[in-house]
Amino acid sequence: MSTVRVLSVCGCGQGSSMIMKLKIGQFLTSQKVDHKMHSCAVSEAKAEFASYDIVVAAEQLAANIAAPQGKYVIGVRNMLSAADFGPKLMEVINAHFPGALKA
């Protein structure tokens, strides 16, 4: 089993990205996905890409984050809603990180 590494990003890296980190972590646990979470400001995201597989950010921020090859950026409208980020996140995990799914 492998661990999918997810980075939540917001403008300042203090408020909404930390809450989003908790919400995404809860969702991935409920989906039985082995994961590691971190949060940061959008200005730090580029430097953090080497350590993370997927970046989740508000749509307007995500549009300005260029993902290196093998990395994925997911833009969400409601970063606190699993109904918004969940299907997008699971689509990327199922397609590119199936080893993170626990039996």
PDB file of N, CA and C in Angstrom:
ATOM      1  N   MET A   1       0.846  -1.184   0.000  1.00  0.00           N
ATOM      2  CA  MET A   1       0.000   0.000   0.000  1.00  0.00           C
ATOM      3  C   MET A   1       0.885   1.238   0.000  1.00  0.00           C
ATOM      4  N   SER A   2       0.470   2.209  -0.758  1.00  0.00           N
ATOM      5  CA  SER A   2       1.196   3.477  -0.782  1.00  0.00           C
ATOM      6  C   SER A   2       0.335   4.569  -0.165  1.00  0.00           C
ATOM      7  N   THR A   3       0.970   5.650   0.183  1.00  0.00           N
ATOM      8  CA  THR A   3       0.287   6.781   0.804  1.00  0.00           C
ATOM      9  C   THR A   3       0.179   7.905  -0.202  1.00  0.00           C
ATOM     10  N   VAL A   4      -1.021   8.451  -0.383  1.00  0.00           N
ATOM     11  CA  VAL A   4      -1.189   9.614  -1.244  1.00  0.00           C
ATOM     12  C   VAL A   4      -0.982  10.848  -0.368  1.00  0.00           C
ATOM     13  N   ARG A   5      -0.191  11.782  -0.869  1.00  0.00           N
ATOM     14  CA  ARG A   5       0.158  12.982  -0.107  1.00  0.00           C
ATOM     15  C   ARG A   5      -0.612  14.168  -0.686  1.00  0.00           C
ATOM     16  N   VAL A   6      -1.438  14.802   0.177  1.00  0.00           N
ATOM     17  CA  VAL A   6      -2.338  15.864  -0.269  1.00  0.00           C
ATOM     18  C   VAL A   6      -2.002  17.166   0.449  1.00  0.00           C
ATOM     19  N   LEU A   7      -1.898  18.225  -0.323  1.00  0.00           N
ATOM     20  CA  LEU A   7      -1.588  19.552   0.188  1.00  0.00           C
ATOM     21  C   LEU A   7      -2.794  20.456  -0.036  1.00  0.00           C
ATOM     22  N   SER A   8      -3.325  21.053   1.040  1.00  0.00           N
ATOM     23  CA  SER A   8      -4.411  22.025   0.890  1.00  0.00           C
ATOM     24  C   SER A   8      -3.797  23.418   0.917  1.00  0.00           C
ATOM     25  N   VAL A   9      -4.264  24.263   0.002  1.00  0.00           N
ATOM     26  CA  VAL A   9      -3.647  25.571  -0.208  1.00  0.00           C
ATOM     27  C   VAL A   9      -4.704  26.671  -0.155  1.00  0.00           C
ATOM     28  N   CYS A  10      -4.366  27.766   0.517  1.00  0.00           N
ATOM     29  CA  CYS A  10      -5.219  28.960   0.504  1.00  0.00           C
ATOM     30  C   CYS A  10      -4.314  30.178   0.347  1.00  0.00           C
ATOM     31  N   GLY A  11      -4.899  31.343   0.351  1.00  0.00           N
ATOM     32  CA  GLY A  11      -4.149  32.569   0.116  1.00  0.00           C
ATOM     33  C   GLY A  11      -3.039  32.821   1.129  1.00  0.00           C
ATOM     34  N   CYS A  12      -3.333  32.630   2.418  1.00  0.00           N
ATOM     35  CA  CYS A  12      -2.349  32.930   3.469  1.00  0.00           C
ATOM     36  C   CYS A  12      -1.787  31.695   4.153  1.00  0.00           C
ATOM     37  N   GLY A  13      -2.433  30.554   4.010  1.00  0.00           N
ATOM     38  CA  GLY A  13      -1.940  29.329   4.612  1.00  0.00           C
ATOM     39  C   GLY A  13      -2.250  29.172   6.087  1.00  0.00           C
ATOM     40  N   GLN A  14      -3.164  29.992   6.599  1.00  0.00           N
ATOM     41  CA  GLN A  14      -3.443  29.929   8.026  1.00  0.00           C
ATOM     42  C   GLN A  14      -4.861  29.495   8.346  1.00  0.00           C
ATOM     43  N   GLY A  15      -5.843  29.988   7.634  1.00  0.00           N
ATOM     44  CA  GLY A  15      -7.228  29.714   7.995  1.00  0.00           C
ATOM     45  C   GLY A  15      -7.879  28.618   7.189  1.00  0.00           C
ATOM     46  N   SER A  16      -8.319  28.966   6.002  1.00  0.00           N
ATOM     47  CA  SER A  16      -9.122  28.017   5.233  1.00  0.00           C
ATOM     48  C   SER A  16      -8.339  26.780   4.809  1.00  0.00           C
ATOM     49  N   SER A  17      -7.040  26.891   4.551  1.00  0.00           N
ATOM     50  CA  SER A  17      -6.289  25.691   4.162  1.00  0.00           C
ATOM     51  C   SER A  17      -6.181  24.707   5.318  1.00  0.00           C
ATOM     52  N   MET A  18      -6.112  25.215   6.549  1.00  0.00           N
ATOM     53  CA  MET A  18      -6.040  24.320   7.709  1.00  0.00           C
ATOM     54  C   MET A  18      -7.381  23.614   7.922  1.00  0.00           C
ATOM     55  N   ILE A  19      -8.473  24.331   7.762  1.00  0.00           N
ATOM     56  CA  ILE A  19      -9.795  23.718   7.892  1.00  0.00           C
ATOM     57  C   ILE A  19     -10.008  22.712   6.764  1.00  0.00           C
ATOM     58  N   MET A  20      -9.612  23.095   5.553  1.00  0.00           N
ATOM     59  CA  MET A  20      -9.742  22.203   4.410  1.00  0.00           C
ATOM     60  C   MET A  20      -8.910  20.934   4.632  1.00  0.00           C
ATOM     61  N   LYS A  21      -7.736  21.076   5.208  1.00  0.00           N
ATOM     62  CA  LYS A  21      -6.882  19.928   5.521  1.00  0.00           C
ATOM     63  C   LYS A  21      -7.626  18.945   6.415  1.00  0.00           C
ATOM     64  N   LEU A  22      -8.294  19.448   7.442  1.00  0.00           N
ATOM     65  CA  LEU A  22      -9.052  18.595   8.352  1.00  0.00           C
ATOM     66  C   LEU A  22     -10.220  17.919   7.640  1.00  0.00           C
ATOM     67  N   LYS A  23     -10.967  18.679   6.840  1.00  0.00           N
ATOM     68  CA  LYS A  23     -12.130  18.139   6.121  1.00  0.00           C
ATOM     69  C   LYS A  23     -11.708  17.066   5.117  1.00  0.00           C
ATOM     70  N   ILE A  24     -10.644  17.335   4.364  1.00  0.00           N
ATOM     71  CA  ILE A  24     -10.167  16.362   3.380  1.00  0.00           C
ATOM     72  C   ILE A  24      -9.647  15.119   4.092  1.00  0.00           C
ATOM     73  N   GLY A  25      -8.926  15.316   5.186  1.00  0.00           N
ATOM     74  CA  GLY A  25      -8.417  14.187   5.957  1.00  0.00           C
ATOM     75  C   GLY A  25      -9.542  13.296   6.462  1.00  0.00           C
ATOM     76  N   GLN A  26     -10.602  13.904   6.986  1.00  0.00           N
ATOM     77  CA  GLN A  26     -11.762  13.145   7.458  1.00  0.00           C
ATOM     78  C   GLN A  26     -12.409  12.372   6.310  1.00  0.00           C
ATOM     79  N   PHE A  27     -12.532  13.038   5.160  1.00  0.00           N
ATOM     80  CA  PHE A  27     -13.137  12.397   3.995  1.00  0.00           C
ATOM     81  C   PHE A  27     -12.292  11.212   3.539  1.00  0.00           C
ATOM     82  N   LEU A  28     -10.983  11.398   3.414  1.00  0.00           N
ATOM     83  CA  LEU A  28     -10.121  10.314   2.943  1.00  0.00           C
ATOM     84  C   LEU A  28     -10.109   9.144   3.916  1.00  0.00           C
ATOM     85  N   THR A  29     -10.161   9.426   5.199  1.00  0.00           N
ATOM     86  CA  THR A  29     -10.251   8.359   6.199  1.00  0.00           C
ATOM     87  C   THR A  29     -11.542   7.575   6.005  1.00  0.00           C
ATOM     88  N   SER A  30     -12.650   8.281   5.776  1.00  0.00           N
ATOM     89  CA  SER A  30     -13.937   7.609   5.575  1.00  0.00           C
ATOM     90  C   SER A  30     -13.946   6.768   4.302  1.00  0.00           C
ATOM     91  N   GLN A  31     -13.128   7.153   3.324  1.00  0.00           N
ATOM     92  CA  GLN A  31     -13.035   6.423   2.058  1.00  0.00           C
ATOM     93  C   GLN A  31     -11.961   5.336   2.097  1.00  0.00           C
ATOM     94  N   LYS A  32     -11.325   5.174   3.258  1.00  0.00           N
ATOM     95  CA  LYS A  32     -10.256   4.191   3.458  1.00  0.00           C
ATOM     96  C   LYS A  32      -9.068   4.425   2.522  1.00  0.00           C
ATOM     97  N   VAL A  33      -8.664   5.683   2.428  1.00  0.00           N
ATOM     98  CA  VAL A  33      -7.511   6.063   1.621  1.00  0.00           C
ATOM     99  C   VAL A  33      -6.353   6.361   2.568  1.00  0.00           C
ATOM    100  N   ASP A  34      -5.228   5.676   2.376  1.00  0.00           N
ATOM    101  CA  ASP A  34      -4.036   5.943   3.172  1.00  0.00           C
ATOM    102  C   ASP A  34      -3.475   7.288   2.696  1.00  0.00           C
ATOM    103  N   HIS A  35      -3.391   8.251   3.589  1.00  0.00           N
ATOM    104  CA  HIS A  35      -3.023   9.606   3.163  1.00  0.00           C
ATOM    105  C   HIS A  35      -2.168  10.328   4.198  1.00  0.00           C
ATOM    106  N   LYS A  36      -1.518  11.368   3.709  1.00  0.00           N
ATOM    107  CA  LYS A  36      -0.759  12.317   4.532  1.00  0.00           C
ATOM    108  C   LYS A  36      -1.244  13.696   4.100  1.00  0.00           C
ATOM    109  N   MET A  37      -1.557  14.555   5.059  1.00  0.00           N
ATOM    110  CA  MET A  37      -2.085  15.890   4.751  1.00  0.00           C
ATOM    111  C   MET A  37      -1.145  16.976   5.255  1.00  0.00           C
ATOM    112  N   HIS A  38      -1.153  18.103   4.548  1.00  0.00           N
ATOM    113  CA  HIS A  38      -0.428  19.293   4.970  1.00  0.00           C
ATOM    114  C   HIS A  38      -1.174  20.495   4.390  1.00  0.00           C
ATOM    115  N   SER A  39      -0.959  21.655   4.962  1.00  0.00           N
ATOM    116  CA  SER A  39      -1.569  22.881   4.427  1.00  0.00           C
ATOM    117  C   SER A  39      -0.508  23.967   4.348  1.00  0.00           C
ATOM    118  N   CYS A  40      -0.706  24.903   3.415  1.00  0.00           N
ATOM    119  CA  CYS A  40       0.228  26.016   3.275  1.00  0.00           C
ATOM    120  C   CYS A  40      -0.412  27.143   2.470  1.00  0.00           C
ATOM    121  N   ALA A  41       0.310  28.242   2.371  1.00  0.00           N
ATOM    122  CA  ALA A  41      -0.114  29.380   1.549  1.00  0.00           C
ATOM    123  C   ALA A  41       0.202  29.084   0.089  1.00  0.00           C
ATOM    124  N   VAL A  42      -0.535  29.712  -0.793  1.00  0.00           N
ATOM    125  CA  VAL A  42      -0.311  29.505  -2.227  1.00  0.00           C
ATOM    126  C   VAL A  42       1.118  29.883  -2.622  1.00  0.00           C
ATOM    127  N   SER A  43       1.695  30.844  -1.944  1.00  0.00           N
ATOM    128  CA  SER A  43       3.074  31.253  -2.262  1.00  0.00           C
ATOM    129  C   SER A  43       4.087  30.156  -1.942  1.00  0.00           C
ATOM    130  N   GLU A  44       3.728  29.208  -1.078  1.00  0.00           N
ATOM    131  CA  GLU A  44       4.626  28.109  -0.715  1.00  0.00           C
ATOM    132  C   GLU A  44       4.366  26.840  -1.521  1.00  0.00           C
ATOM    133  N   ALA A  45       3.266  26.789  -2.255  1.00  0.00           N
ATOM    134  CA  ALA A  45       2.837  25.558  -2.927  1.00  0.00           C
ATOM    135  C   ALA A  45       3.892  25.016  -3.884  1.00  0.00           C
ATOM    136  N   LYS A  46       4.517  25.865  -4.661  1.00  0.00           N
ATOM    137  CA  LYS A  46       5.498  25.404  -5.643  1.00  0.00           C
ATOM    138  C   LYS A  46       6.652  24.675  -4.956  1.00  0.00           C
ATOM    139  N   ALA A  47       7.128  25.217  -3.849  1.00  0.00           N
ATOM    140  CA  ALA A  47       8.226  24.597  -3.118  1.00  0.00           C
ATOM    141  C   ALA A  47       7.794  23.276  -2.477  1.00  0.00           C
ATOM    142  N   GLU A  48       6.513  23.138  -2.163  1.00  0.00           N
ATOM    143  CA  GLU A  48       6.004  21.939  -1.496  1.00  0.00           C
ATOM    144  C   GLU A  48       5.673  20.801  -2.469  1.00  0.00           C
ATOM    145  N   PHE A  49       5.583  21.095  -3.763  1.00  0.00           N
ATOM    146  CA  PHE A  49       5.174  20.075  -4.732  1.00  0.00           C
ATOM    147  C   PHE A  49       6.036  18.819  -4.679  1.00  0.00           C
ATOM    148  N   ALA A  50       7.305  18.946  -4.418  1.00  0.00           N
ATOM    149  CA  ALA A  50       8.177  17.771  -4.396  1.00  0.00           C
ATOM    150  C   ALA A  50       7.730  16.762  -3.348  1.00  0.00           C
ATOM    151  N   SER A  51       7.096  17.232  -2.279  1.00  0.00           N
ATOM    152  CA  SER A  51       6.693  16.357  -1.173  1.00  0.00           C
ATOM    153  C   SER A  51       5.243  15.907  -1.247  1.00  0.00           C
ATOM    154  N   TYR A  52       4.462  16.412  -2.194  1.00  0.00           N
ATOM    155  CA  TYR A  52       3.036  16.106  -2.257  1.00  0.00           C
ATOM    156  C   TYR A  52       2.609  15.694  -3.657  1.00  0.00           C
ATOM    157  N   ASP A  53       1.557  14.871  -3.722  1.00  0.00           N
ATOM    158  CA  ASP A  53       1.061  14.353  -4.995  1.00  0.00           C
ATOM    159  C   ASP A  53      -0.078  15.190  -5.556  1.00  0.00           C
ATOM    160  N   ILE A  54      -0.935  15.671  -4.658  1.00  0.00           N
ATOM    161  CA  ILE A  54      -2.146  16.390  -5.065  1.00  0.00           C
ATOM    162  C   ILE A  54      -2.247  17.692  -4.277  1.00  0.00           C
ATOM    163  N   VAL A  55      -2.555  18.769  -4.974  1.00  0.00           N
ATOM    164  CA  VAL A  55      -2.812  20.057  -4.333  1.00  0.00           C
ATOM    165  C   VAL A  55      -4.294  20.365  -4.514  1.00  0.00           C
ATOM    166  N   VAL A  56      -4.957  20.742  -3.416  1.00  0.00           N
ATOM    167  CA  VAL A  56      -6.370  21.134  -3.464  1.00  0.00           C
ATOM    168  C   VAL A  56      -6.448  22.599  -3.050  1.00  0.00           C
ATOM    169  N   ALA A  57      -7.107  23.405  -3.881  1.00  0.00           N
ATOM    170  CA  ALA A  57      -7.223  24.843  -3.614  1.00  0.00           C
ATOM    171  C   ALA A  57      -8.526  25.359  -4.198  1.00  0.00           C
ATOM    172  N   ALA A  58      -8.927  26.545  -3.772  1.00  0.00           N
ATOM    173  CA  ALA A  58     -10.085  27.205  -4.370  1.00  0.00           C
ATOM    174  C   ALA A  58      -9.826  27.362  -5.866  1.00  0.00           C
ATOM    175  N   GLU A  59     -10.884  27.304  -6.654  1.00  0.00           N
ATOM    176  CA  GLU A  59     -10.743  27.347  -8.114  1.00  0.00           C
ATOM    177  C   GLU A  59      -9.866  28.491  -8.601  1.00  0.00           C
ATOM    178  N   GLN A  60     -10.067  29.702  -8.050  1.00  0.00           N
ATOM    179  CA  GLN A  60      -9.305  30.860  -8.541  1.00  0.00           C
ATOM    180  C   GLN A  60      -7.810  30.719  -8.233  1.00  0.00           C
ATOM    181  N   LEU A  61      -7.450  30.079  -7.125  1.00  0.00           N
ATOM    182  CA  LEU A  61      -6.039  29.835  -6.815  1.00  0.00           C
ATOM    183  C   LEU A  61      -5.493  28.682  -7.650  1.00  0.00           C
ATOM    184  N   ALA A  62      -6.277  27.631  -7.775  1.00  0.00           N
ATOM    185  CA  ALA A  62      -5.850  26.447  -8.518  1.00  0.00           C
ATOM    186  C   ALA A  62      -5.518  26.786  -9.965  1.00  0.00           C
ATOM    187  N   ALA A  63      -6.254  27.727 -10.538  1.00  0.00           N
ATOM    188  CA  ALA A  63      -6.025  28.120 -11.929  1.00  0.00           C
ATOM    189  C   ALA A  63      -4.635  28.706 -12.135  1.00  0.00           C
ATOM    190  N   ASN A  64      -4.013  29.191 -11.061  1.00  0.00           N
ATOM    191  CA  ASN A  64      -2.686  29.815 -11.160  1.00  0.00           C
ATOM    192  C   ASN A  64      -1.562  28.931 -10.638  1.00  0.00           C
ATOM    193  N   ILE A  65      -1.861  27.671 -10.337  1.00  0.00           N
ATOM    194  CA  ILE A  65      -0.841  26.743  -9.851  1.00  0.00           C
ATOM    195  C   ILE A  65      -0.510  25.768 -10.969  1.00  0.00           C
ATOM    196  N   ALA A  66       0.724  25.804 -11.434  1.00  0.00           N
ATOM    197  CA  ALA A  66       1.158  24.897 -12.496  1.00  0.00           C
ATOM    198  C   ALA A  66       1.696  23.617 -11.859  1.00  0.00           C
ATOM    199  N   ALA A  67       1.083  22.498 -12.195  1.00  0.00           N
ATOM    200  CA  ALA A  67       1.498  21.219 -11.617  1.00  0.00           C
ATOM    201  C   ALA A  67       2.630  20.604 -12.430  1.00  0.00           C
ATOM    202  N   PRO A  68       3.720  20.229 -11.765  1.00  0.00           N
ATOM    203  CA  PRO A  68       4.775  19.495 -12.462  1.00  0.00           C
ATOM    204  C   PRO A  68       4.242  18.134 -12.906  1.00  0.00           C
ATOM    205  N   GLN A  69       4.946  17.490 -13.808  1.00  0.00           N
ATOM    206  CA  GLN A  69       4.521  16.181 -14.303  1.00  0.00           C
ATOM    207  C   GLN A  69       4.388  15.195 -13.140  1.00  0.00           C
ATOM    208  N   GLY A  70       3.301  14.436 -13.139  1.00  0.00           N
ATOM    209  CA  GLY A  70       3.067  13.454 -12.095  1.00  0.00           C
ATOM    210  C   GLY A  70       2.409  14.015 -10.850  1.00  0.00           C
ATOM    211  N   LYS A  71       2.113  15.323 -10.856  1.00  0.00           N
ATOM    212  CA  LYS A  71       1.442  15.980  -9.736  1.00  0.00           C
ATOM    213  C   LYS A  71       0.099  16.510 -10.245  1.00  0.00           C
ATOM    214  N   TYR A  72      -0.854  16.699  -9.342  1.00  0.00           N
ATOM    215  CA  TYR A  72      -2.210  17.067  -9.749  1.00  0.00           C
ATOM    216  C   TYR A  72      -2.741  18.213  -8.909  1.00  0.00           C
ATOM    217  N   VAL A  73      -3.452  19.134  -9.561  1.00  0.00           N
ATOM    218  CA  VAL A  73      -4.078  20.266  -8.879  1.00  0.00           C
ATOM    219  C   VAL A  73      -5.581  20.135  -9.049  1.00  0.00           C
ATOM    220  N   ILE A  74      -6.305  20.219  -7.935  1.00  0.00           N
ATOM    221  CA  ILE A  74      -7.761  20.142  -7.957  1.00  0.00           C
ATOM    222  C   ILE A  74      -8.314  21.476  -7.461  1.00  0.00           C
ATOM    223  N   GLY A  75      -9.142  22.097  -8.293  1.00  0.00           N
ATOM    224  CA  GLY A  75      -9.798  23.341  -7.919  1.00  0.00           C
ATOM    225  C   GLY A  75     -11.205  23.054  -7.414  1.00  0.00           C
ATOM    226  N   VAL A  76     -11.560  23.658  -6.293  1.00  0.00           N
ATOM    227  CA  VAL A  76     -12.882  23.432  -5.714  1.00  0.00           C
ATOM    228  C   VAL A  76     -13.610  24.757  -5.494  1.00  0.00           C
ATOM    229  N   ARG A  77     -14.931  24.708  -5.573  1.00  0.00           N
ATOM    230  CA  ARG A  77     -15.738  25.898  -5.315  1.00  0.00           C
ATOM    231  C   ARG A  77     -15.995  26.055  -3.833  1.00  0.00           C
ATOM    232  N   ASN A  78     -16.342  24.947  -3.178  1.00  0.00           N
ATOM    233  CA  ASN A  78     -16.622  24.983  -1.745  1.00  0.00           C
ATOM    234  C   ASN A  78     -15.619  24.057  -1.060  1.00  0.00           C
ATOM    235  N   MET A  79     -14.564  24.635  -0.544  1.00  0.00           N
ATOM    236  CA  MET A  79     -13.476  23.839   0.006  1.00  0.00           C
ATOM    237  C   MET A  79     -13.841  23.102   1.289  1.00  0.00           C
ATOM    238  N   LEU A  80     -14.989  23.400   1.862  1.00  0.00           N
ATOM    239  CA  LEU A  80     -15.411  22.719   3.086  1.00  0.00           C
ATOM    240  C   LEU A  80     -16.433  21.624   2.820  1.00  0.00           C
ATOM    241  N   SER A  81     -16.805  21.429   1.578  1.00  0.00           N
ATOM    242  CA  SER A  81     -17.845  20.476   1.222  1.00  0.00           C
ATOM    243  C   SER A  81     -17.271  19.230   0.552  1.00  0.00           C
ATOM    244  N   ALA A  82     -17.424  18.089   1.225  1.00  0.00           N
ATOM    245  CA  ALA A  82     -16.970  16.830   0.644  1.00  0.00           C
ATOM    246  C   ALA A  82     -17.725  16.529  -0.650  1.00  0.00           C
ATOM    247  N   ALA A  83     -18.943  17.056  -0.786  1.00  0.00           N
ATOM    248  CA  ALA A  83     -19.709  16.859  -2.018  1.00  0.00           C
ATOM    249  C   ALA A  83     -19.011  17.540  -3.200  1.00  0.00           C
ATOM    250  N   ASP A  84     -18.242  18.587  -2.931  1.00  0.00           N
ATOM    251  CA  ASP A  84     -17.502  19.295  -3.974  1.00  0.00           C
ATOM    252  C   ASP A  84     -16.135  18.640  -4.200  1.00  0.00           C
ATOM    253  N   PHE A  85     -15.298  18.593  -3.163  1.00  0.00           N
ATOM    254  CA  PHE A  85     -13.941  18.092  -3.369  1.00  0.00           C
ATOM    255  C   PHE A  85     -13.845  16.567  -3.432  1.00  0.00           C
ATOM    256  N   GLY A  86     -14.784  15.857  -2.796  1.00  0.00           N
ATOM    257  CA  GLY A  86     -14.691  14.395  -2.714  1.00  0.00           C
ATOM    258  C   GLY A  86     -14.614  13.685  -4.052  1.00  0.00           C
ATOM    259  N   PRO A  87     -15.600  13.881  -4.946  1.00  0.00           N
ATOM    260  CA  PRO A  87     -15.560  13.185  -6.235  1.00  0.00           C
ATOM    261  C   PRO A  87     -14.314  13.538  -7.062  1.00  0.00           C
ATOM    262  N   LYS A  88     -13.902  14.792  -7.032  1.00  0.00           N
ATOM    263  CA  LYS A  88     -12.722  15.219  -7.791  1.00  0.00           C
ATOM    264  C   LYS A  88     -11.467  14.535  -7.243  1.00  0.00           C
ATOM    265  N   LEU A  89     -11.368  14.499  -5.939  1.00  0.00           N
ATOM    266  CA  LEU A  89     -10.207  13.889  -5.286  1.00  0.00           C
ATOM    267  C   LEU A  89     -10.168  12.385  -5.549  1.00  0.00           C
ATOM    268  N   MET A  90     -11.299  11.726  -5.404  1.00  0.00           N
ATOM    269  CA  MET A  90     -11.339  10.274  -5.614  1.00  0.00           C
ATOM    270  C   MET A  90     -11.072   9.903  -7.072  1.00  0.00           C
ATOM    271  N   GLU A  91     -11.482  10.762  -7.996  1.00  0.00           N
ATOM    272  CA  GLU A  91     -11.198  10.499  -9.414  1.00  0.00           C
ATOM    273  C   GLU A  91      -9.686  10.463  -9.652  1.00  0.00           C
ATOM    274  N   VAL A  92      -8.966  11.421  -9.099  1.00  0.00           N
ATOM    275  CA  VAL A  92      -7.502  11.465  -9.253  1.00  0.00           C
ATOM    276  C   VAL A  92      -6.858  10.291  -8.519  1.00  0.00           C
ATOM    277  N   ILE A  93      -7.312   9.999  -7.308  1.00  0.00           N
ATOM    278  CA  ILE A  93      -6.724   8.890  -6.532  1.00  0.00           C
ATOM    279  C   ILE A  93      -6.971   7.556  -7.228  1.00  0.00           C
ATOM    280  N   ASN A  94      -8.190   7.313  -7.674  1.00  0.00           N
ATOM    281  CA  ASN A  94      -8.490   6.050  -8.357  1.00  0.00           C
ATOM    282  C   ASN A  94      -7.683   5.892  -9.639  1.00  0.00           C
ATOM    283  N   ALA A  95      -7.485   6.978 -10.364  1.00  0.00           N
ATOM    284  CA  ALA A  95      -6.768   6.914 -11.640  1.00  0.00           C
ATOM    285  C   ALA A  95      -5.257   6.833 -11.470  1.00  0.00           C
ATOM    286  N   HIS A  96      -4.705   7.535 -10.467  1.00  0.00           N
ATOM    287  CA  HIS A  96      -3.250   7.673 -10.392  1.00  0.00           C
ATOM    288  C   HIS A  96      -2.607   7.115  -9.124  1.00  0.00           C
ATOM    289  N   PHE A  97      -3.390   6.876  -8.085  1.00  0.00           N
ATOM    290  CA  PHE A  97      -2.839   6.399  -6.804  1.00  0.00           C
ATOM    291  C   PHE A  97      -3.692   5.270  -6.221  1.00  0.00           C
ATOM    292  N   PRO A  98      -4.034   4.261  -7.022  1.00  0.00           N
ATOM    293  CA  PRO A  98      -4.901   3.192  -6.525  1.00  0.00           C
ATOM    294  C   PRO A  98      -4.275   2.406  -5.363  1.00  0.00           C
ATOM    295  N   GLY A  99      -2.977   2.443  -5.235  1.00  0.00           N
ATOM    296  CA  GLY A  99      -2.307   1.738  -4.161  1.00  0.00           C
ATOM    297  C   GLY A  99      -2.581   2.329  -2.798  1.00  0.00           C
ATOM    298  N   ALA A 100      -3.157   3.534  -2.756  1.00  0.00           N
ATOM    299  CA  ALA A 100      -3.463   4.185  -1.479  1.00  0.00           C
ATOM    300  C   ALA A 100      -4.799   3.726  -0.903  1.00  0.00           C
ATOM    301  N   LEU A 101      -5.570   2.983  -1.694  1.00  0.00           N
ATOM    302  CA  LEU A 101      -6.861   2.507  -1.239  1.00  0.00           C
ATOM    303  C   LEU A 101      -6.680   1.263  -0.379  1.00  0.00           C
ATOM    304  N   LYS A 102      -7.213   1.316   0.834  1.00  0.00           N
ATOM    305  CA  LYS A 102      -7.113   0.177   1.749  1.00  0.00           C
ATOM    306  C   LYS A 102      -8.186  -0.848   1.393  1.00  0.00           C
ATOM    307  N   ALA A 103      -7.847  -2.093   1.528  1.00  0.00           N
ATOM    308  CA  ALA A 103      -8.807  -3.176   1.206  1.00  0.00           C
ATOM    309  C   ALA A 103      -9.944  -3.221   2.206  1.00  0.00           C
TER     310      ALA A 103
END
